[in-house]
Amino acid sequence: MSKPLISYRDGAICVSVWLSTKPMNGRLVNFHKVKIEKNYNKNGEWKQTQSFLIEDLLKISSLTQKIYWDLRLNKTQLKKSDPCNP
């Protein structure tokens, strides 16, 4: 699996963005896909889920806003990083 373009983590919550390309009207168009997950350790094995507690929602909101503004304003150098792997 390819690495994300950019990832941000807050505790167990991780938001990652991948750059994808698809043909549209005879040309290739770039777009971003976002994955939100929560990492947890069960019996010594790391697992991921896309189910969240209500207490996770502020973290998700904060991380997705940061990614949105970083991508839209190009404030960050978008380098391949993946802090989402425990």
N, C-alpha and C. Protein backbone atom coordinates (compact mmCIF):
# COMPACT_ATOMS: atom_id res chain seq x y z
N MET A 1 0.85 -1.18 0.00
CA MET A 1 0.00 0.00 0.00
C MET A 1 0.89 1.24 0.00
N SER A 2 0.51 2.24 -0.75
CA SER A 2 1.30 3.46 -0.81
C SER A 2 1.18 4.25 0.49
N LYS A 3 2.13 5.14 0.68
CA LYS A 3 2.11 5.97 1.89
C LYS A 3 1.26 7.22 1.64
N PRO A 4 0.67 7.75 2.71
CA PRO A 4 -0.14 8.96 2.55
C PRO A 4 0.72 10.17 2.22
N LEU A 5 0.09 11.13 1.57
CA LEU A 5 0.73 12.39 1.26
C LEU A 5 1.06 13.14 2.54
N ILE A 6 0.11 13.12 3.46
CA ILE A 6 0.29 13.79 4.75
C ILE A 6 -0.61 13.11 5.78
N SER A 7 -0.17 13.07 7.02
CA SER A 7 -0.95 12.48 8.11
C SER A 7 -0.78 13.32 9.37
N TYR A 8 -1.85 13.40 10.13
CA TYR A 8 -1.80 14.06 11.43
C TYR A 8 -2.43 13.14 12.46
N ARG A 9 -1.89 13.18 13.67
CA ARG A 9 -2.37 12.33 14.75
C ARG A 9 -2.63 13.19 15.99
N ASP A 10 -3.67 12.80 16.72
CA ASP A 10 -3.93 13.35 18.04
C ASP A 10 -4.35 12.17 18.91
N GLY A 11 -3.42 11.69 19.72
CA GLY A 11 -3.70 10.50 20.52
C GLY A 11 -3.91 9.30 19.62
N ALA A 12 -5.04 8.62 19.78
CA ALA A 12 -5.33 7.42 18.99
C ALA A 12 -5.95 7.74 17.63
N ILE A 13 -6.36 9.01 17.43
CA ILE A 13 -7.02 9.40 16.19
C ILE A 13 -6.00 9.83 15.15
N CYS A 14 -6.16 9.34 13.93
CA CYS A 14 -5.25 9.68 12.85
C CYS A 14 -6.05 10.03 11.59
N VAL A 15 -5.65 11.11 10.94
CA VAL A 15 -6.25 11.51 9.67
C VAL A 15 -5.14 11.55 8.63
N SER A 16 -5.33 10.83 7.52
CA SER A 16 -4.34 10.74 6.47
C SER A 16 -4.96 11.15 5.14
N VAL A 17 -4.12 11.72 4.26
CA VAL A 17 -4.57 12.16 2.94
C VAL A 17 -3.70 11.52 1.87
N TRP A 18 -4.35 10.98 0.87
CA TRP A 18 -3.66 10.42 -0.30
C TRP A 18 -3.99 11.26 -1.52
N LEU A 19 -3.01 11.42 -2.39
CA LEU A 19 -3.21 12.09 -3.66
C LEU A 19 -3.58 11.03 -4.69
N SER A 20 -4.70 11.23 -5.37
CA SER A 20 -5.16 10.30 -6.39
C SER A 20 -5.32 11.04 -7.71
N THR A 21 -5.32 10.28 -8.78
CA THR A 21 -5.49 10.85 -10.11
C THR A 21 -6.53 10.05 -10.86
N LYS A 22 -7.40 10.75 -11.59
CA LYS A 22 -8.37 10.04 -12.42
C LYS A 22 -8.60 10.83 -13.69
N PRO A 23 -8.95 10.14 -14.78
CA PRO A 23 -9.22 10.85 -16.02
C PRO A 23 -10.58 11.55 -15.96
N MET A 24 -10.60 12.78 -16.45
CA MET A 24 -11.84 13.54 -16.49
C MET A 24 -11.79 14.48 -17.69
N ASN A 25 -12.76 14.36 -18.57
CA ASN A 25 -12.83 15.20 -19.77
C ASN A 25 -11.54 15.14 -20.59
N GLY A 26 -10.98 13.95 -20.72
CA GLY A 26 -9.80 13.77 -21.56
C GLY A 26 -8.48 14.17 -20.93
N ARG A 27 -8.46 14.49 -19.66
CA ARG A 27 -7.19 14.83 -19.00
C ARG A 27 -7.18 14.23 -17.60
N LEU A 28 -5.98 14.13 -17.04
CA LEU A 28 -5.85 13.59 -15.68
C LEU A 28 -6.04 14.70 -14.66
N VAL A 29 -6.85 14.41 -13.65
CA VAL A 29 -7.16 15.38 -12.61
C VAL A 29 -6.71 14.81 -11.26
N ASN A 30 -6.00 15.63 -10.49
CA ASN A 30 -5.58 15.23 -9.14
C ASN A 30 -6.67 15.57 -8.14
N PHE A 31 -6.85 14.71 -7.16
CA PHE A 31 -7.77 14.99 -6.05
C PHE A 31 -7.25 14.28 -4.81
N HIS A 32 -7.77 14.66 -3.67
CA HIS A 32 -7.32 14.11 -2.39
C HIS A 32 -8.39 13.20 -1.80
N LYS A 33 -7.95 12.08 -1.24
CA LYS A 33 -8.83 11.19 -0.49
C LYS A 33 -8.39 11.22 0.96
N VAL A 34 -9.35 11.21 1.87
CA VAL A 34 -9.06 11.32 3.30
C VAL A 34 -9.52 10.04 4.01
N LYS A 35 -8.67 9.57 4.92
CA LYS A 35 -9.01 8.40 5.74
C LYS A 35 -8.89 8.81 7.20
N ILE A 36 -9.92 8.52 7.97
CA ILE A 36 -9.93 8.81 9.41
C ILE A 36 -10.03 7.48 10.13
N GLU A 37 -9.12 7.25 11.07
CA GLU A 37 -9.16 6.01 11.81
C GLU A 37 -8.70 6.21 13.25
N LYS A 38 -9.03 5.23 14.05
CA LYS A 38 -8.62 5.21 15.45
C LYS A 38 -7.82 3.93 15.67
N ASN A 39 -6.63 4.08 16.23
CA ASN A 39 -5.77 2.93 16.52
C ASN A 39 -5.95 2.53 17.98
N TYR A 40 -5.94 1.24 18.23
CA TYR A 40 -6.04 0.75 19.60
C TYR A 40 -5.30 -0.58 19.72
N ASN A 41 -4.93 -0.90 20.93
CA ASN A 41 -4.18 -2.12 21.19
C ASN A 41 -5.11 -3.11 21.90
N LYS A 42 -5.27 -4.27 21.28
CA LYS A 42 -6.11 -5.30 21.87
C LYS A 42 -5.28 -6.57 22.02
N ASN A 43 -5.06 -6.97 23.26
CA ASN A 43 -4.28 -8.18 23.56
C ASN A 43 -2.90 -8.14 22.93
N GLY A 44 -2.26 -6.96 22.96
CA GLY A 44 -0.91 -6.83 22.44
C GLY A 44 -0.81 -6.66 20.94
N GLU A 45 -1.94 -6.58 20.26
CA GLU A 45 -1.94 -6.43 18.79
C GLU A 45 -2.63 -5.11 18.43
N TRP A 46 -1.96 -4.31 17.55
CA TRP A 46 -2.52 -3.03 17.13
C TRP A 46 -3.61 -3.25 16.09
N LYS A 47 -4.73 -2.56 16.28
CA LYS A 47 -5.87 -2.65 15.36
C LYS A 47 -6.35 -1.25 15.03
N GLN A 48 -7.16 -1.15 13.97
CA GLN A 48 -7.74 0.13 13.57
C GLN A 48 -9.26 -0.02 13.46
N THR A 49 -9.94 1.09 13.70
CA THR A 49 -11.39 1.12 13.54
C THR A 49 -11.79 2.45 12.93
N GLN A 50 -12.96 2.47 12.31
CA GLN A 50 -13.54 3.72 11.81
C GLN A 50 -14.78 4.08 12.63
N SER A 51 -14.88 3.51 13.82
CA SER A 51 -15.94 3.85 14.77
C SER A 51 -15.33 4.71 15.87
N PHE A 52 -16.06 5.74 16.27
CA PHE A 52 -15.50 6.72 17.20
C PHE A 52 -16.46 7.00 18.34
N LEU A 53 -15.88 7.38 19.48
CA LEU A 53 -16.66 7.85 20.62
C LEU A 53 -16.98 9.32 20.42
N ILE A 54 -17.99 9.78 21.07
CA ILE A 54 -18.34 11.20 20.97
C ILE A 54 -17.18 12.09 21.41
N GLU A 55 -16.37 11.59 22.35
CA GLU A 55 -15.21 12.34 22.83
C GLU A 55 -14.13 12.48 21.75
N ASP A 56 -14.17 11.65 20.72
CA ASP A 56 -13.19 11.72 19.64
C ASP A 56 -13.52 12.80 18.61
N LEU A 57 -14.75 13.26 18.59
CA LEU A 57 -15.19 14.16 17.52
C LEU A 57 -14.44 15.49 17.47
N LEU A 58 -14.10 16.07 18.61
CA LEU A 58 -13.34 17.33 18.58
C LEU A 58 -11.94 17.12 18.02
N LYS A 59 -11.32 15.99 18.34
CA LYS A 59 -10.01 15.68 17.77
C LYS A 59 -10.11 15.52 16.26
N ILE A 60 -11.13 14.80 15.81
CA ILE A 60 -11.33 14.60 14.37
C ILE A 60 -11.55 15.95 13.69
N SER A 61 -12.38 16.78 14.28
CA SER A 61 -12.65 18.10 13.71
C SER A 61 -11.38 18.93 13.61
N SER A 62 -10.59 18.95 14.66
CA SER A 62 -9.35 19.72 14.68
C SER A 62 -8.37 19.23 13.62
N LEU A 63 -8.20 17.91 13.51
CA LEU A 63 -7.27 17.35 12.54
C LEU A 63 -7.72 17.58 11.11
N THR A 64 -9.01 17.42 10.85
CA THR A 64 -9.49 17.63 9.48
C THR A 64 -9.43 19.10 9.09
N GLN A 65 -9.66 20.01 10.02
CA GLN A 65 -9.51 21.44 9.72
C GLN A 65 -8.06 21.77 9.41
N LYS A 66 -7.13 21.21 10.16
CA LYS A 66 -5.71 21.46 9.91
C LYS A 66 -5.32 20.98 8.52
N ILE A 67 -5.75 19.78 8.16
CA ILE A 67 -5.44 19.26 6.83
C ILE A 67 -6.09 20.13 5.75
N TYR A 68 -7.33 20.50 5.95
CA TYR A 68 -8.01 21.34 4.95
C TYR A 68 -7.24 22.63 4.70
N TRP A 69 -6.88 23.33 5.77
CA TRP A 69 -6.19 24.61 5.59
C TRP A 69 -4.77 24.42 5.07
N ASP A 70 -4.09 23.37 5.50
CA ASP A 70 -2.75 23.11 4.97
C ASP A 70 -2.79 22.85 3.47
N LEU A 71 -3.76 22.07 3.02
CA LEU A 71 -3.87 21.78 1.59
C LEU A 71 -4.35 22.99 0.80
N ARG A 72 -5.33 23.69 1.30
CA ARG A 72 -5.90 24.83 0.57
C ARG A 72 -4.96 26.02 0.53
N LEU A 73 -4.28 26.27 1.63
CA LEU A 73 -3.39 27.42 1.68
C LEU A 73 -1.95 27.05 1.37
N ASN A 74 -1.71 25.75 1.18
CA ASN A 74 -0.37 25.26 0.86
C ASN A 74 0.66 25.75 1.87
N LYS A 75 0.26 25.78 3.15
CA LYS A 75 1.14 26.30 4.20
C LYS A 75 2.21 25.30 4.60
N THR A 76 1.98 24.05 4.33
CA THR A 76 2.93 23.04 4.76
C THR A 76 3.59 22.40 3.55
N GLN A 77 4.81 21.99 3.69
CA GLN A 77 5.44 21.23 2.63
C GLN A 77 4.86 19.83 2.71
N LEU A 78 4.19 19.44 1.64
CA LEU A 78 3.53 18.15 1.65
C LEU A 78 4.54 17.07 1.29
N LYS A 79 5.05 16.46 2.33
CA LYS A 79 6.00 15.37 2.13
C LYS A 79 5.37 14.10 2.63
N LYS A 80 5.83 13.01 2.12
CA LYS A 80 5.27 11.73 2.54
C LYS A 80 5.66 11.47 3.98
N SER A 81 4.65 11.30 4.81
CA SER A 81 4.87 11.00 6.22
C SER A 81 3.74 10.12 6.70
N ASP A 82 3.97 9.36 7.71
CA ASP A 82 2.92 8.50 8.23
C ASP A 82 3.07 8.29 9.73
N PRO A 83 2.70 9.32 10.54
CA PRO A 83 2.73 9.12 11.98
C PRO A 83 1.59 8.25 12.48
N CYS A 84 0.76 7.75 11.56
CA CYS A 84 -0.39 6.98 11.97
C CYS A 84 -0.09 5.53 12.27
N ASN A 85 1.09 5.07 11.92
CA ASN A 85 1.45 3.70 12.26
C ASN A 85 1.99 3.67 13.69
N PRO A 86 1.32 2.90 14.56
CA PRO A 86 1.77 2.86 15.97
C PRO A 86 3.13 2.22 16.11
